Amino acid sequence: MMRYLRCLLLILVGGVALTGSAAWAKEVGAKEAGAKEAPRVLIFSKSTGWRHMSITPGVAALKALGARAGMTMIASEDPDIFSTDGLKDVKAIILLSDTSARDAASEWFTDTRREAFEAFVHRGGGVVGIHAAADSHYNWPWYGRMIGARFQRHPQGTPEGTITVVDPRHPAMKGLAPVTRHVDEWYYFEDYNPRLHLLATIDPASIGEADVNPNPVAWCQEFEGGRIFYTAMGHTDESYRDPWFVKQIENGLNWVLKR
């Protein structure tokens, strides 16, 4: 009888231990999975050119987006973060209207900062450019190629325009209405790379322009090891309360992160 009770006790203790081990392993696995699902994203918005008042609501909206999407968002305007250590754990960079003037003296991506940014992309880092990210660092050819085009001009004011999704099958356009109306400052571009993957256009007639051909408004590319997504929208505060625009950013960010 005593031998039976001892065996029963050992079985019960062993069962508890196994259950505890399984629970511990499950908890560790969940934590590891959570860590993998929370990429670090840098929101960078330093500007020495035209300072967009929409940067503040833009940063807030991007932080809220990150919280919903399981991302760790870091906002900075310190260019020294562009270093090997500063970008070590960063998986994607959002360039939020980071304008500079056209003279080299206004540019902060210089020397080792340029090297760190290039190395980040080369190791597979993703970049999302918003609006005036195309109006920056005119004296750094690599930056222009990375964004895909450079700002040339815009019609006066912020008219409401008609946007058409060109490639609805691309992940960056997933779940977006194929045609939408949006109020913004609409960029025209120079040095536009025709090999870019065009995602959305604006109808020039809808914003009072005489052009016949639709104007690019969002695109992406695989670039030197990384992924780049750019949208010309985002000039106004209201943009960051527009579900279509915010969803576009979330989709583009997920795409450059390969999620």
Protein backbone atom coordinates (compact mmCIF):
# COMPACT_ATOMS: atom_id res chain seq x y z
CA MET A 1 0.00 0.00 0.00
CA MET A 2 2.81 2.43 0.95
CA ARG A 3 4.65 1.60 -2.29
CA TYR A 4 1.46 2.41 -4.22
CA LEU A 5 1.05 5.75 -2.45
CA ARG A 6 4.69 6.67 -3.10
CA CYS A 7 4.28 5.87 -6.81
CA LEU A 8 1.09 7.92 -6.96
CA LEU A 9 2.81 10.85 -5.27
CA LEU A 10 5.73 10.70 -7.71
CA ILE A 11 3.32 10.68 -10.64
CA LEU A 12 1.45 13.70 -9.28
CA VAL A 13 4.66 15.64 -8.59
CA GLY A 14 6.00 14.79 -12.02
CA GLY A 15 2.76 15.92 -13.62
CA VAL A 16 2.89 19.25 -11.83
CA ALA A 17 6.52 19.71 -12.87
CA LEU A 18 5.73 18.92 -16.49
CA THR A 19 2.76 21.25 -16.46
CA GLY A 20 4.90 23.99 -14.95
CA SER A 21 7.64 23.42 -17.52
CA ALA A 22 5.12 23.52 -20.34
CA ALA A 23 3.61 26.74 -19.01
CA TRP A 24 7.05 28.28 -18.63
CA ALA A 25 8.05 27.25 -22.15
CA LYS A 26 4.78 28.67 -23.48
CA GLU A 27 5.37 31.96 -21.67
CA VAL A 28 8.94 32.22 -22.97
CA GLY A 29 7.76 31.38 -26.48
CA ALA A 30 5.07 34.05 -26.28
CA LYS A 31 7.57 36.63 -25.11
CA GLU A 32 9.99 35.73 -27.90
CA ALA A 33 7.19 35.87 -30.47
CA GLY A 34 6.09 39.22 -29.08
CA ALA A 35 9.60 40.56 -29.37
CA LYS A 36 9.81 39.41 -32.98
CA GLU A 37 6.46 41.04 -33.74
CA ALA A 38 7.46 44.43 -32.35
CA PRO A 39 9.99 45.90 -34.79
CA ARG A 40 11.62 49.20 -33.85
CA VAL A 41 10.70 52.01 -36.23
CA LEU A 42 12.42 55.41 -36.27
CA ILE A 43 10.24 58.44 -37.08
CA PHE A 44 12.68 61.11 -38.24
CA SER A 45 11.39 64.63 -38.91
CA LYS A 46 14.28 67.09 -38.72
CA SER A 47 13.82 69.92 -41.21
CA THR A 48 16.02 72.84 -42.18
CA GLY A 49 13.91 73.78 -45.18
CA TRP A 50 10.18 74.50 -45.00
CA ARG A 51 8.93 73.34 -41.60
CA HIS A 52 5.60 71.56 -41.94
CA MET A 53 3.13 72.21 -39.14
CA SER A 54 1.70 68.76 -39.84
CA ILE A 55 4.82 67.11 -38.39
CA THR A 56 3.48 67.22 -34.82
CA PRO A 57 0.11 65.57 -35.59
CA GLY A 58 1.96 63.29 -37.99
CA VAL A 59 4.27 61.97 -35.28
CA ALA A 60 1.28 61.44 -32.97
CA ALA A 61 -0.63 59.54 -35.66
CA LEU A 62 2.38 57.38 -36.49
CA LYS A 63 2.90 56.52 -32.83
CA ALA A 64 -0.76 55.52 -32.55
CA LEU A 65 -0.42 53.45 -35.72
CA GLY A 66 2.60 51.68 -34.25
CA ALA A 67 0.77 50.90 -31.01
CA ARG A 68 -2.10 49.33 -32.96
CA ALA A 69 0.20 47.39 -35.28
CA GLY A 70 2.57 46.05 -32.63
CA MET A 71 5.55 48.25 -33.46
CA THR A 72 7.90 50.19 -31.20
CA MET A 73 8.01 53.76 -32.51
CA ILE A 74 10.90 56.12 -31.72
CA ALA A 75 10.57 59.79 -32.73
CA SER A 76 13.72 61.87 -33.17
CA GLU A 77 15.08 64.98 -34.86
CA ASP A 78 18.67 64.31 -33.82
CA PRO A 79 20.71 63.43 -36.93
CA ASP A 80 23.35 61.77 -34.77
CA ILE A 81 20.99 58.82 -34.44
CA PHE A 82 22.19 57.93 -37.94
CA SER A 83 25.15 55.92 -36.70
CA THR A 84 25.97 52.23 -36.44
CA ASP A 85 24.84 52.13 -32.82
CA GLY A 86 21.85 54.43 -33.31
CA LEU A 87 20.35 52.29 -36.07
CA LYS A 88 21.50 48.92 -34.72
CA ASP A 89 18.05 47.65 -33.69
CA VAL A 90 15.97 49.78 -36.08
CA LYS A 91 14.09 47.86 -38.77
CA ALA A 92 12.47 50.76 -40.61
CA ILE A 93 12.85 54.53 -40.87
CA ILE A 94 9.98 56.92 -41.58
CA LEU A 95 11.18 60.18 -43.11
CA LEU A 96 8.40 62.59 -42.18
CA SER A 97 8.72 65.77 -44.28
CA ASP A 98 12.44 66.00 -43.46
CA THR A 99 13.07 69.01 -45.69
CA SER A 100 16.34 70.74 -46.40
CA ALA A 101 17.06 73.74 -48.60
CA ARG A 102 18.84 73.22 -51.90
CA ASP A 103 22.22 74.37 -50.63
CA ALA A 104 24.62 71.82 -49.16
CA ALA A 105 25.05 73.83 -45.94
CA SER A 106 21.46 73.02 -44.89
CA GLU A 107 21.95 69.26 -45.16
CA TRP A 108 22.57 67.15 -42.05
CA PHE A 109 23.12 63.79 -43.71
CA THR A 110 26.87 64.14 -44.10
CA ASP A 111 29.94 61.90 -43.86
CA THR A 112 29.40 59.08 -41.34
CA ARG A 113 25.65 59.77 -41.13
CA ARG A 114 25.36 59.07 -44.85
CA GLU A 115 27.43 55.93 -44.45
CA ALA A 116 25.21 54.70 -41.61
CA PHE A 117 22.02 55.36 -43.58
CA GLU A 118 23.35 53.57 -46.66
CA ALA A 119 24.54 50.62 -44.55
CA PHE A 120 21.09 50.44 -42.94
CA VAL A 121 19.42 50.06 -46.34
CA HIS A 122 22.09 47.63 -47.56
CA ARG A 123 21.40 45.28 -44.64
CA GLY A 124 17.72 45.16 -45.54
CA GLY A 125 16.31 48.12 -43.62
CA GLY A 126 13.07 49.64 -44.86
CA VAL A 127 12.31 53.31 -45.52
CA VAL A 128 8.96 55.09 -45.72
CA GLY A 129 9.08 58.61 -47.17
CA ILE A 130 6.17 60.95 -46.49
CA HIS A 131 5.45 64.12 -48.48
CA ALA A 132 8.47 66.44 -48.22
CA ALA A 133 10.88 63.55 -47.83
CA ALA A 134 11.26 64.20 -51.58
CA ASP A 135 12.20 67.84 -50.86
CA SER A 136 15.49 67.16 -49.13
CA HIS A 137 19.23 66.63 -49.61
CA TYR A 138 19.52 67.78 -53.21
CA ASN A 139 23.30 67.47 -53.02
CA TRP A 140 23.26 63.78 -52.11
CA PRO A 141 22.53 61.73 -55.26
CA TRP A 142 22.02 58.48 -53.31
CA TYR A 143 19.19 60.05 -51.29
CA GLY A 144 17.37 61.09 -54.47
CA ARG A 145 17.71 57.62 -55.98
CA MET A 146 16.52 56.04 -52.74
CA ILE A 147 13.35 58.17 -52.57
CA GLY A 148 12.84 57.71 -56.31
CA ALA A 149 12.26 61.34 -57.38
CA ARG A 150 12.74 64.92 -56.23
CA PHE A 151 10.22 67.66 -55.57
CA GLN A 152 9.90 70.15 -58.43
CA ARG A 153 6.79 72.25 -57.73
CA HIS A 154 3.22 72.16 -56.49
CA PRO A 155 -0.01 73.93 -57.49
CA GLN A 156 -1.01 76.77 -55.19
CA GLY A 157 -2.88 75.86 -52.03
CA THR A 158 -4.26 72.50 -50.98
CA PRO A 159 -7.00 71.58 -53.45
CA GLU A 160 -9.09 68.45 -53.19
CA GLY A 161 -7.93 65.92 -55.75
CA THR A 162 -8.99 62.53 -57.09
CA ILE A 163 -6.59 59.68 -56.34
CA THR A 164 -6.68 56.40 -58.24
CA VAL A 165 -4.99 53.20 -57.07
CA VAL A 166 -2.94 51.87 -59.99
CA ASP A 167 -1.98 48.50 -58.51
CA PRO A 168 -4.66 47.29 -56.08
CA ARG A 169 -2.92 43.91 -55.75
CA HIS A 170 0.18 45.38 -54.14
CA PRO A 171 0.28 44.94 -50.33
CA ALA A 172 0.76 48.70 -49.86
CA MET A 173 -2.65 49.31 -51.44
CA LYS A 174 -4.45 46.48 -49.66
CA GLY A 175 -7.91 47.39 -48.40
CA LEU A 176 -7.88 50.90 -49.88
CA ALA A 177 -10.75 52.29 -51.91
CA PRO A 178 -9.67 52.23 -55.59
CA VAL A 179 -10.67 55.88 -56.01
CA THR A 180 -10.76 58.51 -53.28
CA ARG A 181 -10.84 62.27 -52.79
CA HIS A 182 -8.24 63.96 -50.62
CA VAL A 183 -7.18 67.50 -49.72
CA ASP A 184 -3.43 68.04 -49.89
CA GLU A 185 -0.51 69.90 -51.39
CA TRP A 186 0.16 67.99 -54.60
CA TYR A 187 3.77 67.56 -55.65
CA TYR A 188 5.12 67.43 -59.16
CA PHE A 189 8.51 65.75 -59.51
CA GLU A 190 11.80 65.88 -61.35
CA ASP A 191 14.34 63.08 -61.72
CA TYR A 192 11.48 60.59 -61.44
CA ASN A 193 12.75 57.05 -61.94
CA PRO A 194 10.48 55.38 -64.54
CA ARG A 195 11.42 51.96 -63.14
CA LEU A 196 9.63 52.68 -59.85
CA HIS A 197 6.62 50.51 -59.02
CA LEU A 198 3.80 53.04 -59.36
CA LEU A 199 0.98 52.50 -56.85
CA ALA A 200 -1.33 55.52 -57.06
CA THR A 201 -1.82 58.66 -59.14
CA ILE A 202 -3.73 61.92 -58.96
CA ASP A 203 -5.90 63.28 -61.76
CA PRO A 204 -4.36 66.66 -62.71
CA ALA A 205 -7.71 68.01 -63.90
CA SER A 206 -9.16 67.46 -60.42
CA ILE A 207 -6.66 69.95 -58.96
CA GLY A 208 -6.89 72.51 -61.75
CA GLU A 209 -3.82 71.39 -63.70
CA ALA A 210 -3.75 71.21 -67.49
CA ASP A 211 -1.74 67.97 -67.69
CA VAL A 212 -3.29 65.05 -69.53
CA ASN A 213 -1.34 62.25 -67.87
CA PRO A 214 -1.99 61.23 -64.24
CA ASN A 215 0.68 62.42 -61.81
CA PRO A 216 2.47 59.90 -59.53
CA VAL A 217 1.46 60.19 -55.88
CA ALA A 218 2.67 56.90 -54.34
CA TRP A 219 5.26 54.34 -55.34
CA CYS A 220 7.71 51.76 -54.03
CA GLN A 221 10.91 50.02 -55.02
CA GLU A 222 13.43 47.39 -53.98
CA PHE A 223 16.61 49.42 -53.54
CA GLU A 224 20.14 48.21 -52.80
CA GLY A 225 18.99 45.49 -50.41
CA GLY A 226 16.14 47.36 -48.72
CA ARG A 227 12.57 48.34 -49.52
CA ILE A 228 11.37 51.90 -50.05
CA PHE A 229 7.79 53.21 -50.00
CA TYR A 230 6.94 56.83 -50.72
CA THR A 231 3.71 58.85 -50.66
CA ALA A 232 3.53 62.48 -51.76
CA MET A 233 0.53 63.06 -49.50
CA GLY A 234 0.75 64.33 -45.92
CA HIS A 235 1.11 68.12 -46.08
CA THR A 236 -1.95 68.93 -43.99
CA ASP A 237 -2.84 68.16 -40.38
CA GLU A 238 -6.07 66.62 -41.63
CA SER A 239 -4.16 64.02 -43.64
CA TYR A 240 -3.25 62.23 -40.42
CA ARG A 241 -6.93 61.88 -39.55
CA ASP A 242 -7.83 60.53 -42.98
CA PRO A 243 -8.33 56.73 -42.70
CA TRP A 244 -7.33 56.16 -46.35
CA PHE A 245 -4.04 58.03 -45.92
CA VAL A 246 -3.19 56.43 -42.56
CA LYS A 247 -3.99 52.95 -43.88
CA GLN A 248 -1.71 53.64 -46.85
CA ILE A 249 1.14 54.45 -44.46
CA GLU A 250 0.48 51.35 -42.36
CA ASN A 251 0.43 49.15 -45.46
CA GLY A 252 3.59 50.71 -46.82
CA LEU A 253 5.35 50.31 -43.49
CA ASN A 254 4.36 46.65 -43.25
CA TRP A 255 5.63 46.12 -46.79
CA VAL A 256 9.07 47.64 -46.16
CA LEU A 257 9.26 45.57 -42.94
CA LYS A 258 8.35 42.43 -44.94
CA ARG A 259 5.51 41.66 -42.52
